[in-house]
Structure formats: structure tokens, C-alpha cells
Amino acid sequence: LVRVVPHLAPETLRQLIQYRGLDACGELVTSATPAQLTSLLDLDLW
């Protein structure tokens, strides 16, 4: 998963987080690139 995450679209990452729950996705979140995380937060926080 750690090697797969940087190649996923932010929308897919958000789906994964919504499916598993944010509190269970720490490793997934910290494996994302800064650009992915910025886009992911834009999707999730607004």
C-alpha cells in the first residue's frame, strides 16, 4: 500500500478514507505525496 498510494488519484484516496475511516488510515495519509495530500484536504475539508 505504501508504494501504491503515491500513484493514486486524490479522489481515490478520499474514497479509501471514507470506506475505512480516517482514524484507521494514518499510514495511507502519511504515504501520500504533498500534492496528493493538499488535493485530498481540499476535497475533505471544504
ModelCIF file with pLDDT and N, C-alpha, C, O atoms, coordinates in Angstrom:
data_MODEL
#
_entry.id   MODEL 
#
_entity.id                         1 
_entity.type                       polymer 
_entity.pdbx_number_of_molecules   1 
#
_entity_poly.entity_id                      1 
_entity_poly.type                           'polypeptide(L)' 
_entity_poly.nstd_linkage                   no 
_entity_poly.nstd_monomer                   no 
_entity_poly.pdbx_seq_one_letter_code       LVRVVPHLAPETLRQLIQYRGLDACGELVTSATPAQLTSLLDLDLW 
_entity_poly.pdbx_seq_one_letter_code_can   LVRVVPHLAPETLRQLIQYRGLDACGELVTSATPAQLTSLLDLDLW 
_entity_poly.pdbx_strand_id                 A 
#
loop_
_entity_poly_seq.entity_id 
_entity_poly_seq.num 
_entity_poly_seq.mon_id 
_entity_poly_seq.hetero 
1 1  LEU n 
1 2  VAL n 
1 3  ARG n 
1 4  VAL n 
1 5  VAL n 
1 6  PRO n 
1 7  HIS n 
1 8  LEU n 
1 9  ALA n 
1 10 PRO n 
1 11 GLU n 
1 12 THR n 
1 13 LEU n 
1 14 ARG n 
1 15 GLN n 
1 16 LEU n 
1 17 ILE n 
1 18 GLN n 
1 19 TYR n 
1 20 ARG n 
1 21 GLY n 
1 22 LEU n 
1 23 ASP n 
1 24 ALA n 
1 25 CYS n 
1 26 GLY n 
1 27 GLU n 
1 28 LEU n 
1 29 VAL n 
1 30 THR n 
1 31 SER n 
1 32 ALA n 
1 33 THR n 
1 34 PRO n 
1 35 ALA n 
1 36 GLN n 
1 37 LEU n 
1 38 THR n 
1 39 SER n 
1 40 LEU n 
1 41 LEU n 
1 42 ASP n 
1 43 LEU n 
1 44 ASP n 
1 45 LEU n 
1 46 TRP n 
#
_struct_asym.id          A 
_struct_asym.entity_id   1 
#
loop_
_ma_qa_metric.id 
_ma_qa_metric.mode 
_ma_qa_metric.name 
_ma_qa_metric.software_group_id 
_ma_qa_metric.type 
1 global pLDDT . pLDDT 
2 local  pLDDT . pLDDT 
#
_ma_qa_metric_global.metric_id      1 
_ma_qa_metric_global.metric_value   90.30 
_ma_qa_metric_global.model_id       1 
_ma_qa_metric_global.ordinal_id     1 
#
loop_
_ma_qa_metric_local.label_asym_id 
_ma_qa_metric_local.label_comp_id 
_ma_qa_metric_local.label_seq_id 
_ma_qa_metric_local.metric_id 
_ma_qa_metric_local.metric_value 
_ma_qa_metric_local.model_id 
_ma_qa_metric_local.ordinal_id 
A LEU 1  2 79.00 1 1  
A VAL 2  2 81.00 1 2  
A ARG 3  2 87.00 1 3  
A VAL 4  2 88.00 1 4  
A VAL 5  2 91.00 1 5  
A PRO 6  2 92.00 1 6  
A HIS 7  2 91.00 1 7  
A LEU 8  2 91.00 1 8  
A ALA 9  2 93.00 1 9  
A PRO 10 2 93.00 1 10 
A GLU 11 2 93.00 1 11 
A THR 12 2 91.00 1 12 
A LEU 13 2 92.00 1 13 
A ARG 14 2 93.00 1 14 
A GLN 15 2 91.00 1 15 
A LEU 16 2 90.00 1 16 
A ILE 17 2 92.00 1 17 
A GLN 18 2 91.00 1 18 
A TYR 19 2 89.00 1 19 
A ARG 20 2 88.00 1 20 
A GLY 21 2 92.00 1 21 
A LEU 22 2 92.00 1 22 
A ASP 23 2 91.00 1 23 
A ALA 24 2 88.00 1 24 
A CYS 25 2 89.00 1 25 
A GLY 26 2 89.00 1 26 
A GLU 27 2 86.00 1 27 
A LEU 28 2 88.00 1 28 
A VAL 29 2 91.00 1 29 
A THR 30 2 90.00 1 30 
A SER 31 2 91.00 1 31 
A ALA 32 2 93.00 1 32 
A THR 33 2 92.00 1 33 
A PRO 34 2 91.00 1 34 
A ALA 35 2 92.00 1 35 
A GLN 36 2 93.00 1 36 
A LEU 37 2 92.00 1 37 
A THR 38 2 91.00 1 38 
A SER 39 2 93.00 1 39 
A LEU 40 2 93.00 1 40 
A LEU 41 2 91.00 1 41 
A ASP 42 2 90.00 1 42 
A LEU 43 2 91.00 1 43 
A ASP 44 2 92.00 1 44 
A LEU 45 2 91.00 1 45 
A TRP 46 2 86.00 1 46 
#
loop_
_atom_site.group_PDB 
_atom_site.id 
_atom_site.type_symbol 
_atom_site.label_atom_id 
_atom_site.label_alt_id 
_atom_site.label_comp_id 
_atom_site.label_asym_id 
_atom_site.label_entity_id 
_atom_site.label_seq_id 
_atom_site.pdbx_PDB_ins_code 
_atom_site.Cartn_x 
_atom_site.Cartn_y 
_atom_site.Cartn_z 
_atom_site.occupancy 
_atom_site.B_iso_or_equiv 
_atom_site.pdbx_formal_charge 
_atom_site.auth_seq_id 
_atom_site.auth_comp_id 
_atom_site.auth_asym_id 
_atom_site.auth_atom_id 
_atom_site.pdbx_PDB_model_num 
ATOM 1   N N  . LEU A 1 1  ? 0.813   -1.208 0.000  1.00 79.00 ? 1  LEU A N  1 
ATOM 2   C CA . LEU A 1 1  ? 0.000   0.000  0.000  1.00 79.00 ? 1  LEU A CA 1 
ATOM 3   C C  . LEU A 1 1  ? 0.854   1.269  0.000  1.00 79.00 ? 1  LEU A C  1 
ATOM 4   O O  . LEU A 1 1  ? 0.533   2.231  -0.697 1.00 79.00 ? 1  LEU A O  1 
ATOM 5   N N  . VAL A 1 2  ? 1.929   1.274  0.770  1.00 81.00 ? 2  VAL A N  1 
ATOM 6   C CA . VAL A 1 2  ? 2.775   2.467  0.871  1.00 81.00 ? 2  VAL A CA 1 
ATOM 7   C C  . VAL A 1 2  ? 3.339   2.844  -0.493 1.00 81.00 ? 2  VAL A C  1 
ATOM 8   O O  . VAL A 1 2  ? 3.481   4.027  -0.800 1.00 81.00 ? 2  VAL A O  1 
ATOM 9   N N  . ARG A 1 3  ? 3.662   1.838  -1.320 1.00 87.00 ? 3  ARG A N  1 
ATOM 10  C CA . ARG A 1 3  ? 4.207   2.111  -2.649 1.00 87.00 ? 3  ARG A CA 1 
ATOM 11  C C  . ARG A 1 3  ? 3.118   2.433  -3.657 1.00 87.00 ? 3  ARG A C  1 
ATOM 12  O O  . ARG A 1 3  ? 3.377   3.093  -4.664 1.00 87.00 ? 3  ARG A O  1 
ATOM 13  N N  . VAL A 1 4  ? 1.894   1.970  -3.393 1.00 88.00 ? 4  VAL A N  1 
ATOM 14  C CA . VAL A 1 4  ? 0.785   2.198  -4.313 1.00 88.00 ? 4  VAL A CA 1 
ATOM 15  C C  . VAL A 1 4  ? 0.205   3.604  -4.141 1.00 88.00 ? 4  VAL A C  1 
ATOM 16  O O  . VAL A 1 4  ? -0.158  4.248  -5.125 1.00 88.00 ? 4  VAL A O  1 
ATOM 17  N N  . VAL A 1 5  ? 0.118   4.076  -2.904 1.00 91.00 ? 5  VAL A N  1 
ATOM 18  C CA . VAL A 1 5  ? -0.561  5.334  -2.590 1.00 91.00 ? 5  VAL A CA 1 
ATOM 19  C C  . VAL A 1 5  ? -0.100  6.513  -3.445 1.00 91.00 ? 5  VAL A C  1 
ATOM 20  O O  . VAL A 1 5  ? -0.950  7.241  -3.958 1.00 91.00 ? 5  VAL A O  1 
ATOM 21  N N  . PRO A 1 6  ? 1.213   6.740  -3.623 1.00 92.00 ? 6  PRO A N  1 
ATOM 22  C CA . PRO A 1 6  ? 1.642   7.914  -4.391 1.00 92.00 ? 6  PRO A CA 1 
ATOM 23  C C  . PRO A 1 6  ? 1.160   7.937  -5.843 1.00 92.00 ? 6  PRO A C  1 
ATOM 24  O O  . PRO A 1 6  ? 1.252   8.966  -6.512 1.00 92.00 ? 6  PRO A O  1 
ATOM 25  N N  . HIS A 1 7  ? 0.649   6.803  -6.330 1.00 91.00 ? 7  HIS A N  1 
ATOM 26  C CA . HIS A 1 7  ? 0.186   6.736  -7.717 1.00 91.00 ? 7  HIS A CA 1 
ATOM 27  C C  . HIS A 1 7  ? -1.333  6.838  -7.838 1.00 91.00 ? 7  HIS A C  1 
ATOM 28  O O  . HIS A 1 7  ? -1.876  6.737  -8.938 1.00 91.00 ? 7  HIS A O  1 
ATOM 29  N N  . LEU A 1 8  ? -2.023  7.038  -6.711 1.00 91.00 ? 8  LEU A N  1 
ATOM 30  C CA . LEU A 1 8  ? -3.477  7.097  -6.729 1.00 91.00 ? 8  LEU A CA 1 
ATOM 31  C C  . LEU A 1 8  ? -3.975  8.529  -6.861 1.00 91.00 ? 8  LEU A C  1 
ATOM 32  O O  . LEU A 1 8  ? -3.323  9.470  -6.408 1.00 91.00 ? 8  LEU A O  1 
ATOM 33  N N  . ALA A 1 9  ? -5.130  8.680  -7.483 1.00 93.00 ? 9  ALA A N  1 
ATOM 34  C CA . ALA A 1 9  ? -5.750  9.999  -7.587 1.00 93.00 ? 9  ALA A CA 1 
ATOM 35  C C  . ALA A 1 9  ? -6.281  10.418 -6.216 1.00 93.00 ? 9  ALA A C  1 
ATOM 36  O O  . ALA A 1 9  ? -6.706  9.563  -5.439 1.00 93.00 ? 9  ALA A O  1 
ATOM 37  N N  . PRO A 1 10 ? -6.266  11.711 -5.908 1.00 93.00 ? 10 PRO A N  1 
ATOM 38  C CA . PRO A 1 10 ? -6.803  12.176 -4.617 1.00 93.00 ? 10 PRO A CA 1 
ATOM 39  C C  . PRO A 1 10 ? -8.239  11.714 -4.380 1.00 93.00 ? 10 PRO A C  1 
ATOM 40  O O  . PRO A 1 10 ? -8.621  11.420 -3.247 1.00 93.00 ? 10 PRO A O  1 
ATOM 41  N N  . GLU A 1 11 ? -9.038  11.651 -5.455 1.00 93.00 ? 11 GLU A N  1 
ATOM 42  C CA . GLU A 1 11 ? -10.418 11.201 -5.304 1.00 93.00 ? 11 GLU A CA 1 
ATOM 43  C C  . GLU A 1 11 ? -10.467 9.755  -4.824 1.00 93.00 ? 11 GLU A C  1 
ATOM 44  O O  . GLU A 1 11 ? -11.330 9.394  -4.024 1.00 93.00 ? 11 GLU A O  1 
ATOM 45  N N  . THR A 1 12 ? -9.539  8.922  -5.311 1.00 91.00 ? 12 THR A N  1 
ATOM 46  C CA . THR A 1 12 ? -9.479  7.530  -4.877 1.00 91.00 ? 12 THR A CA 1 
ATOM 47  C C  . THR A 1 12 ? -9.051  7.447  -3.419 1.00 91.00 ? 12 THR A C  1 
ATOM 48  O O  . THR A 1 12 ? -9.596  6.655  -2.650 1.00 91.00 ? 12 THR A O  1 
ATOM 49  N N  . LEU A 1 13 ? -8.070  8.270  -3.041 1.00 92.00 ? 13 LEU A N  1 
ATOM 50  C CA . LEU A 1 13 ? -7.626  8.297  -1.644 1.00 92.00 ? 13 LEU A CA 1 
ATOM 51  C C  . LEU A 1 13 ? -8.776  8.681  -0.726 1.00 92.00 ? 13 LEU A C  1 
ATOM 52  O O  . LEU A 1 13 ? -8.938  8.118  0.357  1.00 92.00 ? 13 LEU A O  1 
ATOM 53  N N  . ARG A 1 14 ? -9.570  9.644  -1.171 1.00 93.00 ? 14 ARG A N  1 
ATOM 54  C CA . ARG A 1 14 ? -10.704 10.052 -0.335 1.00 93.00 ? 14 ARG A CA 1 
ATOM 55  C C  . ARG A 1 14 ? -11.710 8.909  -0.198 1.00 93.00 ? 14 ARG A C  1 
ATOM 56  O O  . ARG A 1 14 ? -12.269 8.693  0.877  1.00 93.00 ? 14 ARG A O  1 
ATOM 57  N N  . GLN A 1 15 ? -11.936 8.179  -1.292 1.00 91.00 ? 15 GLN A N  1 
ATOM 58  C CA . GLN A 1 15 ? -12.838 7.029  -1.214 1.00 91.00 ? 15 GLN A CA 1 
ATOM 59  C C  . GLN A 1 15 ? -12.322 5.993  -0.214 1.00 91.00 ? 15 GLN A C  1 
ATOM 60  O O  . GLN A 1 15 ? -13.091 5.425  0.561  1.00 91.00 ? 15 GLN A O  1 
ATOM 61  N N  . LEU A 1 16 ? -11.020 5.760  -0.246 1.00 90.00 ? 16 LEU A N  1 
ATOM 62  C CA . LEU A 1 16 ? -10.425 4.798  0.679  1.00 90.00 ? 16 LEU A CA 1 
ATOM 63  C C  . LEU A 1 16 ? -10.618 5.242  2.126  1.00 90.00 ? 16 LEU A C  1 
ATOM 64  O O  . LEU A 1 16 ? -10.949 4.432  2.993  1.00 90.00 ? 16 LEU A O  1 
ATOM 65  N N  . ILE A 1 17 ? -10.408 6.540  2.382  1.00 92.00 ? 17 ILE A N  1 
ATOM 66  C CA . ILE A 1 17 ? -10.553 7.069  3.738  1.00 92.00 ? 17 ILE A CA 1 
ATOM 67  C C  . ILE A 1 17 ? -12.009 6.998  4.187  1.00 92.00 ? 17 ILE A C  1 
ATOM 68  O O  . ILE A 1 17 ? -12.288 6.651  5.335  1.00 92.00 ? 17 ILE A O  1 
ATOM 69  N N  . GLN A 1 18 ? -12.926 7.320  3.300  1.00 91.00 ? 18 GLN A N  1 
ATOM 70  C CA . GLN A 1 18 ? -14.344 7.249  3.650  1.00 91.00 ? 18 GLN A CA 1 
ATOM 71  C C  . GLN A 1 18 ? -14.767 5.807  3.908  1.00 91.00 ? 18 GLN A C  1 
ATOM 72  O O  . GLN A 1 18 ? -15.623 5.547  4.754  1.00 91.00 ? 18 GLN A O  1 
ATOM 73  N N  . TYR A 1 19 ? -14.166 4.873  3.179  1.00 89.00 ? 19 TYR A N  1 
ATOM 74  C CA . TYR A 1 19 ? -14.511 3.456  3.335  1.00 89.00 ? 19 TYR A CA 1 
ATOM 75  C C  . TYR A 1 19 ? -13.984 2.899  4.652  1.00 89.00 ? 19 TYR A C  1 
ATOM 76  O O  . TYR A 1 19 ? -14.711 2.215  5.373  1.00 89.00 ? 19 TYR A O  1 
ATOM 77  N N  . ARG A 1 20 ? -12.731 3.186  4.968  1.00 88.00 ? 20 ARG A N  1 
ATOM 78  C CA . ARG A 1 20 ? -12.095 2.607  6.159  1.00 88.00 ? 20 ARG A CA 1 
ATOM 79  C C  . ARG A 1 20 ? -12.267 3.493  7.394  1.00 88.00 ? 20 ARG A C  1 
ATOM 80  O O  . ARG A 1 20 ? -12.280 2.992  8.518  1.00 88.00 ? 20 ARG A O  1 
ATOM 81  N N  . GLY A 1 21 ? -12.398 4.794  7.193  1.00 92.00 ? 21 GLY A N  1 
ATOM 82  C CA . GLY A 1 21 ? -12.458 5.719  8.321  1.00 92.00 ? 21 GLY A CA 1 
ATOM 83  C C  . GLY A 1 21 ? -11.104 6.401  8.496  1.00 92.00 ? 21 GLY A C  1 
ATOM 84  O O  . GLY A 1 21 ? -10.066 5.742  8.453  1.00 92.00 ? 21 GLY A O  1 
ATOM 85  N N  . LEU A 1 22 ? -11.112 7.711  8.693  1.00 92.00 ? 22 LEU A N  1 
ATOM 86  C CA . LEU A 1 22 ? -9.867  8.471  8.773  1.00 92.00 ? 22 LEU A CA 1 
ATOM 87  C C  . LEU A 1 22 ? -8.962  7.967  9.880  1.00 92.00 ? 22 LEU A C  1 
ATOM 88  O O  . LEU A 1 22 ? -7.745  7.907  9.707  1.00 92.00 ? 22 LEU A O  1 
ATOM 89  N N  . ASP A 1 23 ? -9.541  7.603  11.018 1.00 91.00 ? 23 ASP A N  1 
ATOM 90  C CA . ASP A 1 23 ? -8.721  7.182  12.158 1.00 91.00 ? 23 ASP A CA 1 
ATOM 91  C C  . ASP A 1 23 ? -7.967  5.887  11.902 1.00 91.00 ? 23 ASP A C  1 
ATOM 92  O O  . ASP A 1 23 ? -7.040  5.559  12.643 1.00 91.00 ? 23 ASP A O  1 
ATOM 93  N N  . ALA A 1 24 ? -8.345  5.150  10.870 1.00 88.00 ? 24 ALA A N  1 
ATOM 94  C CA . ALA A 1 24 ? -7.663  3.896  10.539 1.00 88.00 ? 24 ALA A CA 1 
ATOM 95  C C  . ALA A 1 24 ? -6.756  4.044  9.321  1.00 88.00 ? 24 ALA A C  1 
ATOM 96  O O  . ALA A 1 24 ? -6.246  3.050  8.804  1.00 88.00 ? 24 ALA A O  1 
ATOM 97  N N  . CYS A 1 25 ? -6.551  5.280  8.859  1.00 89.00 ? 25 CYS A N  1 
ATOM 98  C CA . CYS A 1 25 ? -5.814  5.490  7.607  1.00 89.00 ? 25 CYS A CA 1 
ATOM 99  C C  . CYS A 1 25 ? -4.553  6.330  7.797  1.00 89.00 ? 25 CYS A C  1 
ATOM 100 O O  . CYS A 1 25 ? -4.124  7.016  6.869  1.00 89.00 ? 25 CYS A O  1 
ATOM 101 N N  . GLY A 1 26 ? -3.964  6.285  8.974  1.00 89.00 ? 26 GLY A N  1 
ATOM 102 C CA . GLY A 1 26 ? -2.763  7.075  9.226  1.00 89.00 ? 26 GLY A CA 1 
ATOM 103 C C  . GLY A 1 26 ? -1.633  6.754  8.271  1.00 89.00 ? 26 GLY A C  1 
ATOM 104 O O  . GLY A 1 26 ? -0.991  7.657  7.733  1.00 89.00 ? 26 GLY A O  1 
ATOM 105 N N  . GLU A 1 27 ? -1.386  5.459  8.057  1.00 86.00 ? 27 GLU A N  1 
ATOM 106 C CA . GLU A 1 27 ? -0.291  5.063  7.167  1.00 86.00 ? 27 GLU A CA 1 
ATOM 107 C C  . GLU A 1 27 ? -0.565  5.497  5.738  1.00 86.00 ? 27 GLU A C  1 
ATOM 108 O O  . GLU A 1 27 ? 0.341   5.930  5.026  1.00 86.00 ? 27 GLU A O  1 
ATOM 109 N N  . LEU A 1 28 ? -1.813  5.381  5.325  1.00 88.00 ? 28 LEU A N  1 
ATOM 110 C CA . LEU A 1 28 ? -2.193  5.802  3.977  1.00 88.00 ? 28 LEU A CA 1 
ATOM 111 C C  . LEU A 1 28 ? -1.944  7.296  3.795  1.00 88.00 ? 28 LEU A C  1 
ATOM 112 O O  . LEU A 1 28 ? -1.378  7.717  2.786  1.00 88.00 ? 28 LEU A O  1 
ATOM 113 N N  . VAL A 1 29 ? -2.365  8.091  4.769  1.00 91.00 ? 29 VAL A N  1 
ATOM 114 C CA . VAL A 1 29 ? -2.233  9.545  4.679  1.00 91.00 ? 29 VAL A CA 1 
ATOM 115 C C  . VAL A 1 29 ? -0.779  9.965  4.626  1.00 91.00 ? 29 VAL A C  1 
ATOM 116 O O  . VAL A 1 29 ? -0.408  10.816 3.817  1.00 91.00 ? 29 VAL A O  1 
ATOM 117 N N  . THR A 1 30 ? 0.052   9.380  5.476  1.00 90.00 ? 30 THR A N  1 
ATOM 118 C CA . THR A 1 30 ? 1.462   9.778  5.529  1.00 90.00 ? 30 THR A CA 1 
ATOM 119 C C  . THR A 1 30 ? 2.263   9.226  4.353  1.00 90.00 ? 30 THR A C  1 
ATOM 120 O O  . THR A 1 30 ? 3.412   9.616  4.146  1.00 90.00 ? 30 THR A O  1 
ATOM 121 N N  . SER A 1 31 ? 1.663   8.323  3.585  1.00 91.00 ? 31 SER A N  1 
ATOM 122 C CA . SER A 1 31 ? 2.332   7.804  2.392  1.00 91.00 ? 31 SER A CA 1 
ATOM 123 C C  . SER A 1 31 ? 2.032   8.649  1.159  1.00 91.00 ? 31 SER A C  1 
ATOM 124 O O  . SER A 1 31 ? 2.676   8.496  0.121  1.00 91.00 ? 31 SER A O  1 
ATOM 125 N N  . ALA A 1 32 ? 1.056   9.537  1.279  1.00 93.00 ? 32 ALA A N  1 
ATOM 126 C CA . ALA A 1 32 ? 0.681   10.381 0.142  1.00 93.00 ? 32 ALA A CA 1 
ATOM 127 C C  . ALA A 1 32 ? 1.727   11.458 -0.094 1.00 93.00 ? 32 ALA A C  1 
ATOM 128 O O  . ALA A 1 32 ? 2.413   11.879 0.837  1.00 93.00 ? 32 ALA A O  1 
ATOM 129 N N  . THR A 1 33 ? 1.847   11.898 -1.322 1.00 92.00 ? 33 THR A N  1 
ATOM 130 C CA . THR A 1 33 ? 2.763   12.982 -1.646 1.00 92.00 ? 33 THR A CA 1 
ATOM 131 C C  . THR A 1 33 ? 2.155   14.300 -1.166 1.00 92.00 ? 33 THR A C  1 
ATOM 132 O O  . THR A 1 33 ? 0.948   14.371 -0.938 1.00 92.00 ? 33 THR A O  1 
ATOM 133 N N  . PRO A 1 34 ? 2.981   15.353 -1.006 1.00 91.00 ? 34 PRO A N  1 
ATOM 134 C CA . PRO A 1 34 ? 2.425   16.657 -0.605 1.00 91.00 ? 34 PRO A CA 1 
ATOM 135 C C  . PRO A 1 34 ? 1.323   17.142 -1.542 1.00 91.00 ? 34 PRO A C  1 
ATOM 136 O O  . PRO A 1 34 ? 0.317   17.687 -1.087 1.00 91.00 ? 34 PRO A O  1 
ATOM 137 N N  . ALA A 1 35 ? 1.508   16.943 -2.855 1.00 92.00 ? 35 ALA A N  1 
ATOM 138 C CA . ALA A 1 35 ? 0.488   17.386 -3.812 1.00 92.00 ? 35 ALA A CA 1 
ATOM 139 C C  . ALA A 1 35 ? -0.810  16.602 -3.628 1.00 92.00 ? 35 ALA A C  1 
ATOM 140 O O  . ALA A 1 35 ? -1.900  17.172 -3.669 1.00 92.00 ? 35 ALA A O  1 
ATOM 141 N N  . GLN A 1 36 ? -0.683  15.299 -3.426 1.00 93.00 ? 36 GLN A N  1 
ATOM 142 C CA . GLN A 1 36 ? -1.867  14.475 -3.193 1.00 93.00 ? 36 GLN A CA 1 
ATOM 143 C C  . GLN A 1 36 ? -2.589  14.918 -1.923 1.00 93.00 ? 36 GLN A C  1 
ATOM 144 O O  . GLN A 1 36 ? -3.812  15.064 -1.906 1.00 93.00 ? 36 GLN A O  1 
ATOM 145 N N  . LEU A 1 37 ? -1.814  15.129 -0.865 1.00 92.00 ? 37 LEU A N  1 
ATOM 146 C CA . LEU A 1 37 ? -2.403  15.476 0.422  1.00 92.00 ? 37 LEU A CA 1 
ATOM 147 C C  . LEU A 1 37 ? -3.098  16.835 0.369  1.00 92.00 ? 37 LEU A C  1 
ATOM 148 O O  . LEU A 1 37 ? -4.159  17.018 0.966  1.00 92.00 ? 37 LEU A O  1 
ATOM 149 N N  . THR A 1 38 ? -2.506  17.772 -0.336 1.00 91.00 ? 38 THR A N  1 
ATOM 150 C CA . THR A 1 38 ? -3.129  19.084 -0.489 1.00 91.00 ? 38 THR A CA 1 
ATOM 151 C C  . THR A 1 38 ? -4.472  18.959 -1.211 1.00 91.00 ? 38 THR A C  1 
ATOM 152 O O  . THR A 1 38 ? -5.469  19.543 -0.788 1.00 91.00 ? 38 THR A O  1 
ATOM 153 N N  . SER A 1 39 ? -4.486  18.193 -2.301 1.00 93.00 ? 39 SER A N  1 
ATOM 154 C CA . SER A 1 39 ? -5.741  17.990 -3.042 1.00 93.00 ? 39 SER A CA 1 
ATOM 155 C C  . SER A 1 39 ? -6.753  17.223 -2.198 1.00 93.00 ? 39 SER A C  1 
ATOM 156 O O  . SER A 1 39 ? -7.948  17.517 -2.225 1.00 93.00 ? 39 SER A O  1 
ATOM 157 N N  . LEU A 1 40 ? -6.261  16.238 -1.450 1.00 93.00 ? 40 LEU A N  1 
ATOM 158 C CA . LEU A 1 40 ? -7.136  15.437 -0.602 1.00 93.00 ? 40 LEU A CA 1 
ATOM 159 C C  . LEU A 1 40 ? -7.793  16.298 0.477  1.00 93.00 ? 40 LEU A C  1 
ATOM 160 O O  . LEU A 1 40 ? -8.986  16.165 0.748  1.00 93.00 ? 40 LEU A O  1 
ATOM 161 N N  . LEU A 1 41 ? -7.000  17.185 1.089  1.00 91.00 ? 41 LEU A N  1 
ATOM 162 C CA . LEU A 1 41 ? -7.547  18.069 2.112  1.00 91.00 ? 41 LEU A CA 1 
ATOM 163 C C  . LEU A 1 41 ? -8.548  19.055 1.509  1.00 91.00 ? 41 LEU A C  1 
ATOM 164 O O  . LEU A 1 41 ? -9.552  19.389 2.138  1.00 91.00 ? 41 LEU A O  1 
ATOM 165 N N  . ASP A 1 42 ? -8.276  19.514 0.301  1.00 90.00 ? 42 ASP A N  1 
ATOM 166 C CA . ASP A 1 42 ? -9.232  20.394 -0.383 1.00 90.00 ? 42 ASP A CA 1 
ATOM 167 C C  . ASP A 1 42 ? -10.572 19.684 -0.565 1.00 90.00 ? 42 ASP A C  1 
ATOM 168 O O  . ASP A 1 42 ? -11.632 20.287 -0.399 1.00 90.00 ? 42 ASP A O  1 
ATOM 169 N N  . LEU A 1 43 ? -10.512 18.405 -0.908 1.00 91.00 ? 43 LEU A N  1 
ATOM 170 C CA . LEU A 1 43 ? -11.733 17.633 -1.106 1.00 91.00 ? 43 LEU A CA 1 
ATOM 171 C C  . LEU A 1 43 ? -12.447 17.349 0.211  1.00 91.00 ? 43 LEU A C  1 
ATOM 172 O O  . LEU A 1 43 ? -13.677 17.342 0.271  1.00 91.00 ? 43 LEU A O  1 
ATOM 173 N N  . ASP A 1 44 ? -11.672 17.115 1.260  1.00 92.00 ? 44 ASP A N  1 
ATOM 174 C CA . ASP A 1 44 ? -12.243 16.611 2.506  1.00 92.00 ? 44 ASP A CA 1 
ATOM 175 C C  . ASP A 1 44 ? -12.617 17.697 3.511  1.00 92.00 ? 44 ASP A C  1 
ATOM 176 O O  . ASP A 1 44 ? -13.486 17.482 4.356  1.00 92.00 ? 44 ASP A O  1 
ATOM 177 N N  . LEU A 1 45 ? -11.977 18.854 3.431  1.00 91.00 ? 45 LEU A N  1 
ATOM 178 C CA . LEU A 1 45 ? -12.180 19.875 4.459  1.00 91.00 ? 45 LEU A CA 1 
ATOM 179 C C  . LEU A 1 45 ? -13.174 20.963 4.075  1.00 91.00 ? 45 LEU A C  1 
ATOM 180 O O  . LEU A 1 45 ? -13.627 21.721 4.932  1.00 91.00 ? 45 LEU A O  1 
ATOM 181 N N  . TRP A 1 46 ? -13.513 21.044 2.800  1.00 86.00 ? 46 TRP A N  1 
ATOM 182 C CA . TRP A 1 46 ? -14.440 22.092 2.361  1.00 86.00 ? 46 TRP A CA 1 
ATOM 183 C C  . TRP A 1 46 ? -15.772 21.450 2.007  1.00 86.00 ? 46 TRP A C  1 
ATOM 184 O O  . TRP A 1 46 ? -16.706 22.147 1.611  1.00 86.00 ? 46 TRP A O  1 
#
